[in-house]
Amino acid sequence: MNEVTLEKMGRLRLYGMQSSFRAILESKTSGQFTIDQMLATLVEAEWEEQENRKTDRLVKNAGFRYPASLEEIDYSHPRNLDRNQALRLGDH
């Protein structure tokens, strides 16, 4: 039954749920979850997967010349950049 469920998750493109459910089954920890905890875990995994795919798609479509991240910015250069403020803004 679990293999059928995993296959259906894949066909529905619920890759985050599929991966999380597979990991839970392989680790044999499914008995430690209540039904609502299991559902919440699977939905959270799918949410994160879709958000990551969305971010990847947006970055790709933006066509940036150079790959960069907030962590790679040189804050020692005299440009009045506040590292903490930049990282806080990046979290939103």
PDB file of N, CA and C in Angstrom:
ATOM      1  N   MET A   1       0.818  -1.194   0.000  1.00  0.00           N
ATOM      2  CA  MET A   1       0.000   0.000   0.000  1.00  0.00           C
ATOM      3  C   MET A   1       0.867   1.266   0.000  1.00  0.00           C
ATOM      4  N   ASN A   2       1.972   1.259   0.757  1.00  0.00           N
ATOM      5  CA  ASN A   2       2.840   2.434   0.817  1.00  0.00           C
ATOM      6  C   ASN A   2       3.493   2.714  -0.533  1.00  0.00           C
ATOM      7  N   GLU A   3       3.853   1.671  -1.272  1.00  0.00           N
ATOM      8  CA  GLU A   3       4.471   1.869  -2.588  1.00  0.00           C
ATOM      9  C   GLU A   3       3.478   2.518  -3.546  1.00  0.00           C
ATOM     10  N   VAL A   4       2.223   2.102  -3.477  1.00  0.00           N
ATOM     11  CA  VAL A   4       1.185   2.700  -4.319  1.00  0.00           C
ATOM     12  C   VAL A   4       1.016   4.176  -3.957  1.00  0.00           C
ATOM     13  N   THR A   5       1.020   4.471  -2.677  1.00  0.00           N
ATOM     14  CA  THR A   5       0.901   5.860  -2.224  1.00  0.00           C
ATOM     15  C   THR A   5       2.083   6.688  -2.713  1.00  0.00           C
ATOM     16  N   LEU A   6       3.292   6.147  -2.615  1.00  0.00           N
ATOM     17  CA  LEU A   6       4.474   6.857  -3.092  1.00  0.00           C
ATOM     18  C   LEU A   6       4.396   7.103  -4.598  1.00  0.00           C
ATOM     19  N   GLU A   7       3.927   6.105  -5.330  1.00  0.00           N
ATOM     20  CA  GLU A   7       3.795   6.259  -6.778  1.00  0.00           C
ATOM     21  C   GLU A   7       2.781   7.349  -7.121  1.00  0.00           C
ATOM     22  N   LYS A   8       1.657   7.360  -6.417  1.00  0.00           N
ATOM     23  CA  LYS A   8       0.637   8.379  -6.665  1.00  0.00           C
ATOM     24  C   LYS A   8       1.143   9.769  -6.324  1.00  0.00           C
ATOM     25  N   MET A   9       1.912   9.891  -5.247  1.00  0.00           N
ATOM     26  CA  MET A   9       2.490  11.184  -4.892  1.00  0.00           C
ATOM     27  C   MET A   9       3.392  11.682  -6.024  1.00  0.00           C
ATOM     28  N   GLY A  10       4.168  10.781  -6.596  1.00  0.00           N
ATOM     29  CA  GLY A  10       5.032  11.157  -7.711  1.00  0.00           C
ATOM     30  C   GLY A  10       4.236  11.581  -8.933  1.00  0.00           C
ATOM     31  N   ARG A  11       3.184  10.854  -9.243  1.00  0.00           N
ATOM     32  CA  ARG A  11       2.359  11.183 -10.402  1.00  0.00           C
ATOM     33  C   ARG A  11       1.627  12.507 -10.211  1.00  0.00           C
ATOM     34  N   LEU A  12       1.315  12.840  -8.978  1.00  0.00           N
ATOM     35  CA  LEU A  12       0.685  14.120  -8.668  1.00  0.00           C
ATOM     36  C   LEU A  12       1.709  15.250  -8.529  1.00  0.00           C
ATOM     37  N   ARG A  13       2.978  14.915  -8.699  1.00  0.00           N
ATOM     38  CA  ARG A  13       4.093  15.867  -8.569  1.00  0.00           C
ATOM     39  C   ARG A  13       4.198  16.435  -7.158  1.00  0.00           C
ATOM     40  N   LEU A  14       3.897  15.609  -6.168  1.00  0.00           N
ATOM     41  CA  LEU A  14       4.044  15.988  -4.760  1.00  0.00           C
ATOM     42  C   LEU A  14       5.397  15.450  -4.281  1.00  0.00           C
ATOM     43  N   TYR A  15       6.469  15.982  -4.880  1.00  0.00           N
ATOM     44  CA  TYR A  15       7.802  15.440  -4.657  1.00  0.00           C
ATOM     45  C   TYR A  15       8.294  15.636  -3.228  1.00  0.00           C
ATOM     46  N   GLY A  16       7.937  16.735  -2.600  1.00  0.00           N
ATOM     47  CA  GLY A  16       8.327  16.964  -1.212  1.00  0.00           C
ATOM     48  C   GLY A  16       7.674  15.958  -0.283  1.00  0.00           C
ATOM     49  N   MET A  17       6.379  15.751  -0.479  1.00  0.00           N
ATOM     50  CA  MET A  17       5.654  14.758   0.324  1.00  0.00           C
ATOM     51  C   MET A  17       6.217  13.364   0.082  1.00  0.00           C
ATOM     52  N   GLN A  18       6.457  13.052  -1.173  1.00  0.00           N
ATOM     53  CA  GLN A  18       6.960  11.734  -1.535  1.00  0.00           C
ATOM     54  C   GLN A  18       8.307  11.462  -0.870  1.00  0.00           C
ATOM     55  N   SER A  19       9.194  12.422  -0.950  1.00  0.00           N
ATOM     56  CA  SER A  19      10.521  12.268  -0.355  1.00  0.00           C
ATOM     57  C   SER A  19      10.445  12.126   1.161  1.00  0.00           C
ATOM     58  N   SER A  20       9.620  12.962   1.784  1.00  0.00           N
ATOM     59  CA  SER A  20       9.479  12.915   3.234  1.00  0.00           C
ATOM     60  C   SER A  20       8.845  11.605   3.689  1.00  0.00           C
ATOM     61  N   PHE A  21       7.810  11.162   2.985  1.00  0.00           N
ATOM     62  CA  PHE A  21       7.132   9.917   3.347  1.00  0.00           C
ATOM     63  C   PHE A  21       8.079   8.736   3.181  1.00  0.00           C
ATOM     64  N   ARG A  22       8.861   8.755   2.090  1.00  0.00           N
ATOM     65  CA  ARG A  22       9.832   7.679   1.870  1.00  0.00           C
ATOM     66  C   ARG A  22      10.868   7.653   3.004  1.00  0.00           C
ATOM     67  N   ALA A  23      11.346   8.824   3.411  1.00  0.00           N
ATOM     68  CA  ALA A  23      12.334   8.896   4.492  1.00  0.00           C
ATOM     69  C   ALA A  23      11.744   8.379   5.808  1.00  0.00           C
ATOM     70  N   ILE A  24      10.500   8.730   6.080  1.00  0.00           N
ATOM     71  CA  ILE A  24       9.844   8.261   7.302  1.00  0.00           C
ATOM     72  C   ILE A  24       9.707   6.746   7.277  1.00  0.00           C
ATOM     73  N   LEU A  25       9.302   6.199   6.135  1.00  0.00           N
ATOM     74  CA  LEU A  25       9.146   4.751   6.024  1.00  0.00           C
ATOM     75  C   LEU A  25      10.479   4.021   6.180  1.00  0.00           C
ATOM     76  N   GLU A  26      11.531   4.569   5.565  1.00  0.00           N
ATOM     77  CA  GLU A  26      12.847   3.935   5.633  1.00  0.00           C
ATOM     78  C   GLU A  26      13.437   3.995   7.032  1.00  0.00           C
ATOM     79  N   SER A  27      13.146   5.068   7.753  1.00  0.00           N
ATOM     80  CA  SER A  27      13.690   5.199   9.109  1.00  0.00           C
ATOM     81  C   SER A  27      12.839   4.458  10.138  1.00  0.00           C
ATOM     82  N   LYS A  28      11.706   3.951   9.688  1.00  0.00           N
ATOM     83  CA  LYS A  28      10.802   3.187  10.560  1.00  0.00           C
ATOM     84  C   LYS A  28      10.342   4.005  11.775  1.00  0.00           C
ATOM     85  N   THR A  29      10.134   5.305  11.565  1.00  0.00           N
ATOM     86  CA  THR A  29       9.670   6.170  12.649  1.00  0.00           C
ATOM     87  C   THR A  29       8.208   6.544  12.491  1.00  0.00           C
ATOM     88  N   SER A  30       7.533   5.947  11.524  1.00  0.00           N
ATOM     89  CA  SER A  30       6.142   6.330  11.279  1.00  0.00           C
ATOM     90  C   SER A  30       5.253   6.057  12.489  1.00  0.00           C
ATOM     91  N   GLY A  31       5.606   5.088  13.323  1.00  0.00           N
ATOM     92  CA  GLY A  31       4.817   4.784  14.505  1.00  0.00           C
ATOM     93  C   GLY A  31       4.918   5.842  15.582  1.00  0.00           C
ATOM     94  N   GLN A  32       5.889   6.737  15.464  1.00  0.00           N
ATOM     95  CA  GLN A  32       6.075   7.782  16.465  1.00  0.00           C
ATOM     96  C   GLN A  32       5.188   8.997  16.194  1.00  0.00           C
ATOM     97  N   PHE A  33       4.535   9.025  15.025  1.00  0.00           N
ATOM     98  CA  PHE A  33       3.698  10.155  14.645  1.00  0.00           C
ATOM     99  C   PHE A  33       2.229   9.849  14.891  1.00  0.00           C
ATOM    100  N   THR A  34       1.498  10.864  15.340  1.00  0.00           N
ATOM    101  CA  THR A  34       0.041  10.755  15.303  1.00  0.00           C
ATOM    102  C   THR A  34      -0.365  11.085  13.861  1.00  0.00           C
ATOM    103  N   ILE A  35      -1.602  10.840  13.521  1.00  0.00           N
ATOM    104  CA  ILE A  35      -2.045  11.106  12.149  1.00  0.00           C
ATOM    105  C   ILE A  35      -1.886  12.581  11.799  1.00  0.00           C
ATOM    106  N   ASP A  36      -2.260  13.464  12.707  1.00  0.00           N
ATOM    107  CA  ASP A  36      -2.139  14.892  12.412  1.00  0.00           C
ATOM    108  C   ASP A  36      -0.682  15.339  12.330  1.00  0.00           C
ATOM    109  N   GLN A  37       0.207  14.738  13.118  1.00  0.00           N
ATOM    110  CA  GLN A  37       1.633  15.068  13.025  1.00  0.00           C
ATOM    111  C   GLN A  37       2.212  14.589  11.692  1.00  0.00           C
ATOM    112  N   MET A  38       1.817  13.390  11.268  1.00  0.00           N
ATOM    113  CA  MET A  38       2.293  12.858   9.993  1.00  0.00           C
ATOM    114  C   MET A  38       1.832  13.751   8.846  1.00  0.00           C
ATOM    115  N   LEU A  39       0.568  14.123   8.868  1.00  0.00           N
ATOM    116  CA  LEU A  39       0.032  14.979   7.822  1.00  0.00           C
ATOM    117  C   LEU A  39       0.726  16.339   7.814  1.00  0.00           C
ATOM    118  N   ALA A  40       0.927  16.907   8.989  1.00  0.00           N
ATOM    119  CA  ALA A  40       1.607  18.204   9.089  1.00  0.00           C
ATOM    120  C   ALA A  40       3.032  18.114   8.565  1.00  0.00           C
ATOM    121  N   THR A  41       3.729  17.022   8.857  1.00  0.00           N
ATOM    122  CA  THR A  41       5.100  16.823   8.383  1.00  0.00           C
ATOM    123  C   THR A  41       5.135  16.726   6.861  1.00  0.00           C
ATOM    124  N   LEU A  42       4.202  15.972   6.292  1.00  0.00           N
ATOM    125  CA  LEU A  42       4.167  15.802   4.840  1.00  0.00           C
ATOM    126  C   LEU A  42       3.799  17.097   4.124  1.00  0.00           C
ATOM    127  N   VAL A  43       2.832  17.822   4.674  1.00  0.00           N
ATOM    128  CA  VAL A  43       2.427  19.091   4.059  1.00  0.00           C
ATOM    129  C   VAL A  43       3.566  20.110   4.151  1.00  0.00           C
ATOM    130  N   GLU A  44       4.249  20.163   5.273  1.00  0.00           N
ATOM    131  CA  GLU A  44       5.386  21.082   5.432  1.00  0.00           C
ATOM    132  C   GLU A  44       6.495  20.753   4.438  1.00  0.00           C
ATOM    133  N   ALA A  45       6.777  19.468   4.254  1.00  0.00           N
ATOM    134  CA  ALA A  45       7.810  19.057   3.292  1.00  0.00           C
ATOM    135  C   ALA A  45       7.429  19.475   1.881  1.00  0.00           C
ATOM    136  N   GLU A  46       6.165  19.313   1.540  1.00  0.00           N
ATOM    137  CA  GLU A  46       5.702  19.715   0.195  1.00  0.00           C
ATOM    138  C   GLU A  46       5.763  21.227   0.035  1.00  0.00           C
ATOM    139  N   TRP A  47       5.373  21.939   1.060  1.00  0.00           N
ATOM    140  CA  TRP A  47       5.424  23.409   1.035  1.00  0.00           C
ATOM    141  C   TRP A  47       6.857  23.881   0.772  1.00  0.00           C
ATOM    142  N   GLU A  48       7.801  23.338   1.514  1.00  0.00           N
ATOM    143  CA  GLU A  48       9.210  23.726   1.351  1.00  0.00           C
ATOM    144  C   GLU A  48       9.715  23.380  -0.036  1.00  0.00           C
ATOM    145  N   GLU A  49       9.356  22.212  -0.534  1.00  0.00           N
ATOM    146  CA  GLU A  49       9.774  21.790  -1.876  1.00  0.00           C
ATOM    147  C   GLU A  49       9.260  22.758  -2.933  1.00  0.00           C
ATOM    148  N   GLN A  50       8.000  23.128  -2.842  1.00  0.00           N
ATOM    149  CA  GLN A  50       7.431  24.046  -3.832  1.00  0.00           C
ATOM    150  C   GLN A  50       8.037  25.444  -3.729  1.00  0.00           C
ATOM    151  N   GLU A  51       8.285  25.905  -2.514  1.00  0.00           N
ATOM    152  CA  GLU A  51       8.929  27.212  -2.343  1.00  0.00           C
ATOM    153  C   GLU A  51      10.338  27.208  -2.924  1.00  0.00           C
ATOM    154  N   ASN A  52      11.076  26.113  -2.695  1.00  0.00           N
ATOM    155  CA  ASN A  52      12.431  26.009  -3.246  1.00  0.00           C
ATOM    156  C   ASN A  52      12.409  25.969  -4.768  1.00  0.00           C
ATOM    157  N   ARG A  53      11.477  25.220  -5.343  1.00  0.00           N
ATOM    158  CA  ARG A  53      11.370  25.171  -6.806  1.00  0.00           C
ATOM    159  C   ARG A  53      10.995  26.536  -7.365  1.00  0.00           C
ATOM    160  N   LYS A  54      10.102  27.245  -6.677  1.00  0.00           N
ATOM    161  CA  LYS A  54       9.699  28.583  -7.114  1.00  0.00           C
ATOM    162  C   LYS A  54      10.896  29.538  -7.106  1.00  0.00           C
ATOM    163  N   THR A  55      11.654  29.504  -6.019  1.00  0.00           N
ATOM    164  CA  THR A  55      12.840  30.363  -5.912  1.00  0.00           C
ATOM    165  C   THR A  55      13.838  30.033  -7.009  1.00  0.00           C
ATOM    166  N   ASP A  56      14.093  28.746  -7.226  1.00  0.00           N
ATOM    167  CA  ASP A  56      15.024  28.330  -8.276  1.00  0.00           C
ATOM    168  C   ASP A  56      14.560  28.814  -9.647  1.00  0.00           C
ATOM    169  N   ARG A  57      13.256  28.688  -9.914  1.00  0.00           N
ATOM    170  CA  ARG A  57      12.706  29.112 -11.197  1.00  0.00           C
ATOM    171  C   ARG A  57      12.845  30.634 -11.369  1.00  0.00           C
ATOM    172  N   LEU A  58      12.542  31.393 -10.324  1.00  0.00           N
ATOM    173  CA  LEU A  58      12.638  32.845 -10.403  1.00  0.00           C
ATOM    174  C   LEU A  58      14.078  33.306 -10.615  1.00  0.00           C
ATOM    175  N   VAL A  59      15.010  32.669  -9.921  1.00  0.00           N
ATOM    176  CA  VAL A  59      16.427  33.025 -10.091  1.00  0.00           C
ATOM    177  C   VAL A  59      16.882  32.705 -11.510  1.00  0.00           C
ATOM    178  N   LYS A  60      16.473  31.555 -12.008  1.00  0.00           N
ATOM    179  CA  LYS A  60      16.850  31.160 -13.371  1.00  0.00           C
ATOM    180  C   LYS A  60      16.264  32.134 -14.388  1.00  0.00           C
ATOM    181  N   ASN A  61      14.988  32.483 -14.231  1.00  0.00           N
ATOM    182  CA  ASN A  61      14.330  33.390 -15.174  1.00  0.00           C
ATOM    183  C   ASN A  61      14.855  34.821 -15.085  1.00  0.00           C
ATOM    184  N   ALA A  62      15.427  35.183 -13.939  1.00  0.00           N
ATOM    185  CA  ALA A  62      15.967  36.536 -13.778  1.00  0.00           C
ATOM    186  C   ALA A  62      17.181  36.758 -14.670  1.00  0.00           C
ATOM    187  N   GLY A  63      17.886  35.687 -15.002  1.00  0.00           N
ATOM    188  CA  GLY A  63      19.026  35.799 -15.908  1.00  0.00           C
ATOM    189  C   GLY A  63      20.194  36.594 -15.347  1.00  0.00           C
ATOM    190  N   PHE A  64      20.485  36.432 -14.078  1.00  0.00           N
ATOM    191  CA  PHE A  64      21.617  37.138 -13.476  1.00  0.00           C
ATOM    192  C   PHE A  64      22.918  36.744 -14.164  1.00  0.00           C
ATOM    193  N   ARG A  65      23.798  37.723 -14.330  1.00  0.00           N
ATOM    194  CA  ARG A  65      25.093  37.434 -14.946  1.00  0.00           C
ATOM    195  C   ARG A  65      25.978  36.589 -14.053  1.00  0.00           C
ATOM    196  N   TYR A  66      25.948  36.868 -12.770  1.00  0.00           N
ATOM    197  CA  TYR A  66      26.827  36.180 -11.829  1.00  0.00           C
ATOM    198  C   TYR A  66      25.999  35.582 -10.695  1.00  0.00           C
ATOM    199  N   PRO A  67      26.305  34.371 -10.314  1.00  0.00           N
ATOM    200  CA  PRO A  67      25.602  33.822  -9.145  1.00  0.00           C
ATOM    201  C   PRO A  67      26.133  34.499  -7.876  1.00  0.00           C
ATOM    202  N   ALA A  68      25.241  34.884  -7.007  1.00  0.00           N
ATOM    203  CA  ALA A  68      25.651  35.561  -5.773  1.00  0.00           C
ATOM    204  C   ALA A  68      24.632  35.295  -4.679  1.00  0.00           C
ATOM    205  N   SER A  69      25.060  35.522  -3.455  1.00  0.00           N
ATOM    206  CA  SER A  69      24.158  35.404  -2.322  1.00  0.00           C
ATOM    207  C   SER A  69      24.532  36.466  -1.297  1.00  0.00           C
ATOM    208  N   LEU A  70      23.648  36.705  -0.350  1.00  0.00           N
ATOM    209  CA  LEU A  70      23.908  37.714   0.672  1.00  0.00           C
ATOM    210  C   LEU A  70      25.138  37.380   1.502  1.00  0.00           C
ATOM    211  N   GLU A  71      25.381  36.097   1.691  1.00  0.00           N
ATOM    212  CA  GLU A  71      26.524  35.668   2.494  1.00  0.00           C
ATOM    213  C   GLU A  71      27.857  35.972   1.801  1.00  0.00           C
ATOM    214  N   GLU A  72      27.837  36.161   0.478  1.00  0.00           N
ATOM    215  CA  GLU A  72      29.071  36.397  -0.276  1.00  0.00           C
ATOM    216  C   GLU A  72      29.420  37.877  -0.420  1.00  0.00           C
ATOM    217  N   ILE A  73      28.579  38.768   0.038  1.00  0.00           N
ATOM    218  CA  ILE A  73      28.835  40.202  -0.100  1.00  0.00           C
ATOM    219  C   ILE A  73      30.017  40.598   0.766  1.00  0.00           C
ATOM    220  N   ASP A  74      30.873  41.425   0.199  1.00  0.00           N
ATOM    221  CA  ASP A  74      32.031  41.933   0.934  1.00  0.00           C
ATOM    222  C   ASP A  74      31.599  43.185   1.688  1.00  0.00           C
ATOM    223  N   TYR A  75      31.376  43.025   2.975  1.00  0.00           N
ATOM    224  CA  TYR A  75      30.896  44.134   3.800  1.00  0.00           C
ATOM    225  C   TYR A  75      32.033  45.029   4.280  1.00  0.00           C
ATOM    226  N   SER A  76      33.276  44.619   4.057  1.00  0.00           N
ATOM    227  CA  SER A  76      34.403  45.438   4.502  1.00  0.00           C
ATOM    228  C   SER A  76      34.656  46.610   3.558  1.00  0.00           C
ATOM    229  N   HIS A  77      34.181  46.541   2.343  1.00  0.00           N
ATOM    230  CA  HIS A  77      34.330  47.621   1.368  1.00  0.00           C
ATOM    231  C   HIS A  77      33.503  48.816   1.845  1.00  0.00           C
ATOM    232  N   PRO A  78      34.028  50.032   1.747  1.00  0.00           N
ATOM    233  CA  PRO A  78      33.313  51.203   2.296  1.00  0.00           C
ATOM    234  C   PRO A  78      32.087  51.597   1.467  1.00  0.00           C
ATOM    235  N   ARG A  79      30.977  50.899   1.700  1.00  0.00           N
ATOM    236  CA  ARG A  79      29.726  51.203   0.988  1.00  0.00           C
ATOM    237  C   ARG A  79      28.568  51.418   1.952  1.00  0.00           C
ATOM    238  N   ASN A  80      28.856  51.521   3.219  1.00  0.00           N
ATOM    239  CA  ASN A  80      27.814  51.712   4.242  1.00  0.00           C
ATOM    240  C   ASN A  80      26.786  50.587   4.252  1.00  0.00           C
ATOM    241  N   LEU A  81      27.226  49.368   4.037  1.00  0.00           N
ATOM    242  CA  LEU A  81      26.338  48.214   4.106  1.00  0.00           C
ATOM    243  C   LEU A  81      26.383  47.616   5.503  1.00  0.00           C
ATOM    244  N   ASP A  82      25.226  47.392   6.053  1.00  0.00           N
ATOM    245  CA  ASP A  82      25.114  46.772   7.366  1.00  0.00           C
ATOM    246  C   ASP A  82      24.788  45.293   7.156  1.00  0.00           C
ATOM    247  N   ARG A  83      25.718  44.439   7.525  1.00  0.00           N
ATOM    248  CA  ARG A  83      25.565  42.998   7.303  1.00  0.00           C
ATOM    249  C   ARG A  83      24.299  42.448   7.948  1.00  0.00           C
ATOM    250  N   ASN A  84      24.054  42.797   9.198  1.00  0.00           N
ATOM    251  CA  ASN A  84      22.875  42.299   9.910  1.00  0.00           C
ATOM    252  C   ASN A  84      21.579  42.746   9.239  1.00  0.00           C
ATOM    253  N   GLN A  85      21.528  43.993   8.815  1.00  0.00           N
ATOM    254  CA  GLN A  85      20.322  44.496   8.163  1.00  0.00           C
ATOM    255  C   GLN A  85      20.100  43.786   6.829  1.00  0.00           C
ATOM    256  N   ALA A  86      21.149  43.583   6.057  1.00  0.00           N
ATOM    257  CA  ALA A  86      21.021  42.890   4.770  1.00  0.00           C
ATOM    258  C   ALA A  86      20.535  41.460   4.969  1.00  0.00           C
ATOM    259  N   LEU A  87      21.069  40.772   5.941  1.00  0.00           N
ATOM    260  CA  LEU A  87      20.643  39.388   6.195  1.00  0.00           C
ATOM    261  C   LEU A  87      19.208  39.332   6.712  1.00  0.00           C
ATOM    262  N   ARG A  88      18.819  40.306   7.538  1.00  0.00           N
ATOM    263  CA  ARG A  88      17.427  40.366   8.024  1.00  0.00           C
ATOM    264  C   ARG A  88      16.471  40.602   6.858  1.00  0.00           C
ATOM    265  N   LEU A  89      16.827  41.520   5.962  1.00  0.00           N
ATOM    266  CA  LEU A  89      15.980  41.796   4.807  1.00  0.00           C
ATOM    267  C   LEU A  89      15.905  40.582   3.880  1.00  0.00           C
ATOM    268  N   GLY A  90      16.976  39.826   3.814  1.00  0.00           N
ATOM    269  CA  GLY A  90      17.005  38.636   2.974  1.00  0.00           C
ATOM    270  C   GLY A  90      16.120  37.524   3.494  1.00  0.00           C
ATOM    271  N   ASP A  91      15.797  37.548   4.770  1.00  0.00           N
ATOM    272  CA  ASP A  91      14.933  36.517   5.358  1.00  0.00           C
ATOM    273  C   ASP A  91      13.464  36.740   5.027  1.00  0.00           C
ATOM    274  N   HIS A  92      13.103  37.879   4.529  1.00  0.00           N
ATOM    275  CA  HIS A  92      11.678  38.185   4.256  1.00  0.00           C
ATOM    276  C   HIS A  92      11.296  37.839   2.870  1.00  0.00           C
TER     277      HIS A  92
END
